């Protein structure tokens, strides 16, 4: 799962203390984010109409569900949301206090990109034309994501889903908060090591796939030994 953060000043954020509701934009269209990605109008249409379960409201992505969304829809600007915090929920009370004080840093979506949902653009990132929305979180600060997702358990889950070195690069950018250049440098080194371990210098799809497979197995074994 990937994450995109939108600061409160860009969300048209409004908070009703008495009703414990807030509204604003969890995502904006046609902008270019820090990764060079652009979310295109219509990207959320399918995920909002073809769902088996509701879109959860979480605290900092990995925290508990702290409320429910009363409205989620696309408009010309982006993904508009209206949510209500759960009365009496201990973490929701913390979120309520932070929202009331203006101390939180914004909203953030947790999502996946289905096959065919993205195309490379001239900014070095992707134009996202379809997004599978998983959850929308109230977040304290985007930098917190790297620390939370960096636990052995969470990172192990992410690594198990990697299929290509491009996936690994995106993981380092989106999940760990690295810059594009830093992610590319790390993946380049890992790729060289994996190819060396696999006994090949080839960049063919088969050779790279085998190298990725060996890297995933080795990494999973290291993680398993660390958790014993």
Foldseek 3Di string as FASTA:
>chain_A
DFKDWDFPVPWVWDADLVQQKIKTAQDWADDQDLQREGEHPQQCVCLVPDDPDFAFEAEAVPHDGFWHWPDWDADNTHIMTMIHGDPPDPVNVVVSVCVVVVQATGKMWDWDQDPPQWDQDPSRHIYGNYINTRHMYRYRDPQVQQVVCPDLVNVLVQLVPDQALVSQLSCCCGRNVDHSVVSVVVSVVLQVVLLVVVVHPDPDPVSRRNSSVVVSVVVNVVSVVVVD
